Amino acid sequence: MSLRRLLICFAGFGMTSLVLGSFAVAQKNAARTDVGSCAAYSGLPAEEGDTAGMVFIHGGTFVMGSVDGFWIDRHEVTNAQFREFVAATGYVTLAERGLDPATHPGMPKELLAPGSVVFIPPTNVGSGGRITQWWQYVPGANWRQPTGAGSSIAGKDNHPVVHIAYEDALAYARWRGRELPTEAQWEFAARGGRDGEDDWSSAFDAEGKPIANTWQGIFPVYNTNEDGYAGTAPVGCFKPNGYGLYDMIGNVWEWTSDWYRPGHPRENATNPSGPELQDLALSGGQSPSRVIKGGSFLCASNYCSRYRPAARQPQEIDLGAAHLGFRTVLHR
């Protein structure tokens, strides 16, 4: 079932109380690590030209098949970069516009209104552990106001832009003369030249110290913030992978251009690009989704745990979230 439909189904449900005072105190007092020089970055690449801020990835073969060489953004698209796009084009994101009732019949009025999905740390946890305790559709939440009306991205030009629906990411990419990466391109780049991987090696070092912006502790009630960030981090705060790419793991989930279906074809392919829309087998209540990759600052060892290159997740194309962004690719 989609996240939007879960928000509909569980609206108004009560929760069994579990007092979390000790967790709250521990989280408030948790030590933070140094944020490093990334905090001084403007959010805009210093280079100029059509490959500004990008890295060239030479083609190769891996478990999904073969990919030709391509350029990919060194880091996630930032608030500063997205602001340039909006200033030049007047573009208004889906979260700012709201959904069209004609294309979403039966959708509750509150979910048609401009807004997006925001993580709200729960103060009580029900025995069922429903995700609607911490994911809420917040009216007024968008890339400019990430936690809702009255919030701001002031001082966060170098943070990844969030609350971006698929059509918003694609519009930005094409304005730049680029595209969104296929799942195969994204995963090949995220591996950084490594042949193997495991659930932990992309987010933690051999001593268990965080090397990516994820959740340390017990999600969703206790985050030690050992990595220095409770939410998004400025891009480039953590060591790049073998290809010089930052935050391919953690920080925010990233859109790819592939439609989502479980699993992959058995045969290797050249430049695989996923299924066609008409080939998706959707059951009642499902809407088509695209593949997102990389995990986010909300992935923990006890929940999500998808902070590795091969991990994938479906995301409704018309729904943004506080932990969802993107980067672009260029073929030339």
Protein backbone atom coordinates (compact mmCIF):
# COMPACT_ATOMS: atom_id res chain seq x y z
CA MET A 1 0.00 0.00 0.00
CA SER A 2 1.28 3.49 -0.83
CA LEU A 3 2.36 5.96 1.83
CA ARG A 4 -0.36 8.38 0.73
CA ARG A 5 -3.02 5.69 1.19
CA LEU A 6 -1.58 4.76 4.57
CA LEU A 7 -1.98 8.39 5.58
CA ILE A 8 -5.62 8.12 4.55
CA CYS A 9 -6.28 4.78 6.23
CA PHE A 10 -4.69 5.56 9.59
CA ALA A 11 -5.82 9.18 9.97
CA GLY A 12 -7.32 9.64 13.41
CA PHE A 13 -6.15 6.32 14.90
CA GLY A 14 -5.16 6.47 18.56
CA MET A 15 -1.84 5.25 19.95
CA THR A 16 -0.87 3.26 23.03
CA SER A 17 1.23 5.47 25.26
CA LEU A 18 4.88 4.74 25.92
CA VAL A 19 6.65 7.48 27.83
CA LEU A 20 10.00 8.30 26.24
CA GLY A 21 11.36 10.91 28.61
CA SER A 22 14.70 9.19 29.14
CA PHE A 23 15.16 8.84 25.37
CA ALA A 24 14.39 12.53 24.86
CA VAL A 25 16.94 13.59 27.46
CA ALA A 26 19.61 11.31 25.98
CA GLN A 27 18.94 12.63 22.48
CA LYS A 28 19.07 16.25 23.62
CA ASN A 29 22.38 15.71 25.40
CA ALA A 30 24.00 13.51 22.71
CA ALA A 31 27.47 14.55 21.64
CA ARG A 32 27.89 15.91 18.12
CA THR A 33 30.87 15.41 15.86
CA ASP A 34 32.71 18.18 14.05
CA VAL A 35 30.98 19.13 10.81
CA GLY A 36 34.17 19.96 8.94
CA SER A 37 34.73 22.38 6.09
CA CYS A 38 31.57 21.39 4.21
CA ALA A 39 29.65 24.02 6.18
CA ALA A 40 31.47 26.78 4.26
CA TYR A 41 30.37 25.52 0.82
CA SER A 42 27.97 27.88 -0.97
CA GLY A 43 25.93 25.10 -2.50
CA LEU A 44 26.94 26.14 -6.02
CA PRO A 45 29.83 24.49 -7.93
CA ALA A 46 32.79 26.79 -8.60
CA GLU A 47 33.22 25.49 -12.15
CA GLU A 48 31.30 26.69 -15.19
CA GLY A 49 30.00 24.86 -18.24
CA ASP A 50 27.58 22.03 -18.85
CA THR A 51 29.52 19.59 -16.63
CA ALA A 52 29.95 21.99 -13.71
CA GLY A 53 29.87 20.11 -10.42
CA MET A 54 29.94 16.72 -12.14
CA VAL A 55 32.27 13.70 -12.22
CA PHE A 56 32.78 11.45 -15.24
CA ILE A 57 32.20 7.76 -14.53
CA HIS A 58 33.87 5.43 -16.99
CA GLY A 59 31.64 2.60 -18.11
CA GLY A 60 31.91 -0.93 -16.80
CA THR A 61 30.10 -4.14 -15.95
CA PHE A 62 28.57 -5.16 -12.63
CA VAL A 63 25.75 -7.32 -11.29
CA MET A 64 23.00 -5.38 -13.15
CA GLY A 65 24.80 -5.45 -16.49
CA SER A 66 26.99 -3.05 -18.48
CA VAL A 67 26.79 0.73 -18.48
CA ASP A 68 28.42 3.21 -20.81
CA GLY A 69 30.34 6.16 -19.40
CA PHE A 70 28.34 9.12 -18.08
CA TRP A 71 28.65 12.29 -16.04
CA ILE A 72 26.93 12.51 -12.65
CA ASP A 73 26.59 15.27 -10.07
CA ARG A 74 29.31 15.20 -7.46
CA HIS A 75 26.69 15.83 -4.78
CA GLU A 76 22.92 16.01 -4.40
CA VAL A 77 21.22 19.03 -5.95
CA THR A 78 21.27 21.76 -3.32
CA ASN A 79 18.79 24.42 -2.28
CA ALA A 80 21.03 27.02 -3.93
CA GLN A 81 21.05 25.14 -7.24
CA PHE A 82 17.30 24.58 -7.21
CA ARG A 83 16.72 28.24 -6.38
CA GLU A 84 18.66 29.19 -9.53
CA PHE A 85 16.29 27.01 -11.56
CA VAL A 86 13.19 28.52 -9.98
CA ALA A 87 14.48 32.09 -10.43
CA ALA A 88 15.25 31.45 -14.11
CA THR A 89 12.02 29.64 -15.00
CA GLY A 90 9.37 30.59 -12.45
CA TYR A 91 8.81 26.89 -11.81
CA VAL A 92 6.40 25.94 -9.01
CA THR A 93 6.85 22.51 -7.42
CA LEU A 94 4.06 20.00 -6.98
CA ALA A 95 4.17 20.45 -3.21
CA GLU A 96 3.51 24.16 -3.72
CA ARG A 97 0.72 23.57 -6.26
CA GLY A 98 -1.13 20.65 -4.73
CA LEU A 99 -2.70 17.74 -6.59
CA ASP A 100 -5.32 18.03 -9.32
CA PRO A 101 -8.62 16.55 -8.05
CA ALA A 102 -9.45 15.45 -11.62
CA THR A 103 -6.47 13.09 -11.70
CA HIS A 104 -6.87 11.94 -8.09
CA PRO A 105 -10.58 11.12 -7.66
CA GLY A 106 -11.57 10.14 -4.17
CA MET A 107 -8.50 11.69 -2.57
CA PRO A 108 -9.35 13.44 0.74
CA LYS A 109 -9.34 17.20 0.43
CA GLU A 110 -6.56 17.59 3.00
CA LEU A 111 -4.22 15.45 0.86
CA LEU A 112 -4.98 17.43 -2.29
CA ALA A 113 -3.89 20.68 -0.66
CA PRO A 114 -0.36 22.00 -1.23
CA GLY A 115 1.99 20.22 1.16
CA SER A 116 4.34 17.29 1.56
CA VAL A 117 5.33 14.50 3.94
CA VAL A 118 7.38 15.42 7.00
CA PHE A 119 9.05 13.26 9.65
CA ILE A 120 7.63 14.12 13.09
CA PRO A 121 9.53 12.47 15.97
CA PRO A 122 6.88 10.61 18.00
CA THR A 123 6.44 11.24 21.71
CA ASN A 124 4.34 8.09 22.07
CA VAL A 125 4.69 4.82 20.20
CA GLY A 126 1.77 2.50 19.61
CA SER A 127 2.14 -1.23 19.86
CA GLY A 128 1.43 -1.51 16.13
CA GLY A 129 4.33 0.70 15.15
CA ARG A 130 2.39 2.40 12.36
CA ILE A 131 4.52 4.66 10.19
CA THR A 132 1.82 7.35 10.27
CA GLN A 133 2.95 8.06 13.81
CA TRP A 134 6.07 9.70 12.42
CA TRP A 135 5.20 10.44 8.78
CA GLN A 136 2.60 13.17 8.45
CA TYR A 137 1.28 15.08 5.45
CA VAL A 138 1.92 18.69 6.46
CA PRO A 139 0.08 21.50 4.64
CA GLY A 140 2.50 24.16 3.45
CA ALA A 141 5.58 21.93 3.57
CA ASN A 142 7.72 22.32 0.45
CA TRP A 143 11.32 22.90 -0.58
CA ARG A 144 11.26 26.48 0.75
CA GLN A 145 9.47 25.54 4.00
CA PRO A 146 10.71 22.04 4.77
CA THR A 147 8.84 21.49 8.03
CA GLY A 148 5.69 23.43 7.12
CA ALA A 149 4.37 26.96 6.88
CA GLY A 150 6.67 29.46 8.59
CA SER A 151 9.79 27.28 8.42
CA SER A 152 12.74 28.27 6.27
CA ILE A 153 15.88 27.09 4.49
CA ALA A 154 17.77 30.23 5.53
CA GLY A 155 21.40 29.29 6.07
CA LYS A 156 20.92 25.96 4.27
CA ASP A 157 21.92 26.82 0.72
CA ASN A 158 24.36 23.90 0.77
CA HIS A 159 21.83 21.33 2.00
CA PRO A 160 20.12 18.98 -0.47
CA VAL A 161 16.81 20.29 -1.75
CA VAL A 162 13.92 18.12 -0.49
CA HIS A 163 10.15 17.78 -0.95
CA ILE A 164 10.80 17.23 -4.64
CA ALA A 165 8.33 15.12 -6.63
CA TYR A 166 9.55 13.17 -9.65
CA GLU A 167 8.26 15.75 -12.14
CA ASP A 168 10.09 18.53 -10.24
CA ALA A 169 13.39 16.66 -10.36
CA LEU A 170 12.95 15.92 -14.06
CA ALA A 171 12.10 19.54 -14.84
CA TYR A 172 15.27 20.74 -13.12
CA ALA A 173 17.42 18.12 -14.86
CA ARG A 174 16.14 19.02 -18.31
CA TRP A 175 16.59 22.73 -17.63
CA ARG A 176 20.24 21.88 -17.06
CA GLY A 177 20.32 19.83 -20.27
CA ARG A 178 20.59 16.64 -18.25
CA GLU A 179 18.50 13.66 -17.15
CA LEU A 180 17.85 11.68 -13.99
CA PRO A 181 20.06 8.60 -13.59
CA THR A 182 18.79 5.13 -14.33
CA GLU A 183 18.92 2.75 -11.39
CA ALA A 184 21.89 0.99 -13.01
CA GLN A 185 23.82 4.23 -13.48
CA TRP A 186 23.09 5.34 -9.93
CA GLU A 187 24.11 2.01 -8.41
CA PHE A 188 27.25 1.67 -10.51
CA ALA A 189 28.32 5.16 -9.44
CA ALA A 190 27.43 4.54 -5.78
CA ARG A 191 29.63 1.44 -5.62
CA GLY A 192 32.63 3.67 -6.25
CA GLY A 193 34.59 0.90 -7.95
CA ARG A 194 34.04 -1.61 -5.13
CA ASP A 195 33.24 -5.19 -6.09
CA GLY A 196 31.54 -6.23 -2.86
CA GLU A 197 29.42 -4.64 -0.15
CA ASP A 198 27.49 -5.42 2.99
CA ASP A 199 24.77 -3.74 5.03
CA TRP A 200 27.18 -1.75 7.18
CA SER A 201 30.29 -0.91 5.16
CA SER A 202 28.72 2.01 3.31
CA ALA A 203 27.43 3.82 6.40
CA PHE A 204 29.94 2.86 9.11
CA ASP A 205 33.65 2.22 9.22
CA ALA A 206 35.33 -0.91 10.57
CA GLU A 207 35.08 0.48 14.11
CA GLY A 208 31.37 1.23 13.78
CA LYS A 209 31.80 4.99 13.45
CA PRO A 210 29.39 6.72 11.03
CA ILE A 211 30.79 7.69 7.64
CA ALA A 212 27.44 8.79 6.21
CA ASN A 213 24.46 10.78 7.44
CA THR A 214 22.12 8.11 8.79
CA TRP A 215 20.29 7.47 12.06
CA GLN A 216 22.35 6.19 14.97
CA GLY A 217 20.25 4.70 17.72
CA ILE A 218 16.74 3.25 17.84
CA PHE A 219 14.45 4.61 15.15
CA PRO A 220 12.16 6.54 15.54
CA VAL A 221 12.58 7.36 19.22
CA TYR A 222 16.27 7.75 19.94
CA ASN A 223 18.94 9.30 17.73
CA THR A 224 22.39 9.76 19.25
CA ASN A 225 23.36 12.14 16.40
CA GLU A 226 26.84 10.63 16.52
CA ASP A 227 27.34 11.71 12.91
CA GLY A 228 26.63 15.33 13.86
CA TYR A 229 23.24 15.72 12.16
CA ALA A 230 19.67 15.05 13.24
CA GLY A 231 18.33 16.04 9.79
CA THR A 232 19.93 16.75 6.44
CA ALA A 233 23.61 17.64 6.37
CA PRO A 234 25.34 20.07 4.03
CA VAL A 235 26.44 18.15 0.95
CA GLY A 236 30.00 16.86 1.06
CA CYS A 237 30.39 16.57 4.84
CA PHE A 238 31.41 12.92 4.63
CA LYS A 239 34.26 11.25 2.78
CA PRO A 240 33.51 10.70 -0.93
CA ASN A 241 33.43 7.25 -2.47
CA GLY A 242 36.03 5.89 -4.85
CA TYR A 243 34.67 7.96 -7.73
CA GLY A 244 34.74 11.21 -5.77
CA LEU A 245 30.96 11.28 -5.23
CA TYR A 246 29.47 12.57 -1.98
CA ASP A 247 26.45 11.32 -0.06
CA MET A 248 25.55 8.49 -2.40
CA ILE A 249 24.71 6.76 0.86
CA GLY A 250 22.60 8.58 3.46
CA ASN A 251 21.57 12.23 3.75
CA VAL A 252 18.54 11.96 1.41
CA TRP A 253 16.99 9.32 -0.82
CA GLU A 254 17.50 10.06 -4.52
CA TRP A 255 15.19 9.67 -7.50
CA THR A 256 16.11 7.47 -10.44
CA SER A 257 14.31 7.32 -13.79
CA ASP A 258 13.34 3.63 -13.54
CA TRP A 259 9.81 2.48 -12.83
CA TYR A 260 9.77 0.24 -9.77
CA ARG A 261 8.90 -3.43 -9.68
CA PRO A 262 10.28 -6.02 -7.25
CA GLY A 263 13.52 -7.65 -8.30
CA HIS A 264 15.56 -7.41 -11.49
CA PRO A 265 15.65 -9.44 -14.71
CA ARG A 266 17.97 -12.44 -14.50
CA GLU A 267 19.82 -11.65 -17.71
CA ASN A 268 22.47 -8.95 -17.77
CA ALA A 269 21.73 -6.07 -20.11
CA THR A 270 23.58 -3.19 -21.69
CA ASN A 271 22.52 0.14 -20.17
CA PRO A 272 19.48 -1.39 -18.39
CA SER A 273 16.70 1.09 -17.82
CA GLY A 274 13.98 -0.81 -15.99
CA PRO A 275 10.47 -1.85 -17.08
CA GLU A 276 7.99 0.10 -19.18
CA LEU A 277 4.99 1.56 -17.39
CA GLN A 278 2.57 -0.76 -19.20
CA ASP A 279 4.53 -3.77 -17.96
CA LEU A 280 4.00 -3.00 -14.27
CA ALA A 281 1.63 -5.34 -12.44
CA LEU A 282 -0.27 -3.01 -10.13
CA SER A 283 -2.88 -4.28 -7.70
CA GLY A 284 -5.84 -2.36 -6.34
CA GLY A 285 -4.83 0.71 -4.35
CA GLN A 286 -1.37 0.88 -5.88
CA SER A 287 -0.03 3.75 -7.92
CA PRO A 288 3.04 3.53 -10.17
CA SER A 289 6.30 4.34 -8.43
CA ARG A 290 9.87 5.11 -9.43
CA VAL A 291 12.95 3.59 -7.83
CA ILE A 292 14.72 5.67 -5.21
CA LYS A 293 18.17 4.80 -3.91
CA GLY A 294 20.72 5.47 -1.20
CA GLY A 295 18.79 5.71 2.05
CA SER A 296 18.60 8.88 4.12
CA PHE A 297 19.29 10.48 7.49
CA LEU A 298 16.36 8.42 8.78
CA CYS A 299 17.74 4.96 7.92
CA ALA A 300 18.77 2.97 10.99
CA SER A 301 19.97 -0.56 11.67
CA ASN A 302 16.56 -1.41 13.16
CA TYR A 303 14.48 0.30 10.47
CA CYS A 304 14.98 0.83 6.74
CA SER A 305 18.69 -0.10 6.82
CA ARG A 306 18.91 0.59 3.08
CA TYR A 307 22.14 2.56 3.21
CA ARG A 308 23.97 0.51 0.59
CA PRO A 309 24.26 0.83 -3.19
CA ALA A 310 22.09 -2.18 -4.10
CA ALA A 311 19.19 -1.21 -1.82
CA ARG A 312 16.10 0.21 -3.49
CA GLN A 313 12.63 1.38 -2.62
CA PRO A 314 9.49 2.48 -4.50
CA GLN A 315 8.34 6.08 -4.28
CA GLU A 316 5.07 7.50 -5.60
CA ILE A 317 5.89 9.95 -8.36
CA ASP A 318 3.50 12.63 -7.09
CA LEU A 319 4.61 12.69 -3.46
CA GLY A 320 7.67 14.42 -2.04
CA ALA A 321 9.13 14.04 1.42
CA ALA A 322 11.51 15.68 3.86
CA HIS A 323 14.18 13.03 3.17
CA LEU A 324 13.91 12.82 -0.63
CA GLY A 325 16.10 14.65 -3.15
CA PHE A 326 18.02 13.87 -6.35
CA ARG A 327 21.06 14.34 -8.54
CA THR A 328 21.43 14.47 -12.33
CA VAL A 329 23.42 12.79 -15.10
CA LEU A 330 24.70 13.91 -18.48
CA HIS A 331 25.48 11.81 -21.56
CA ARG A 332 27.91 13.22 -24.10
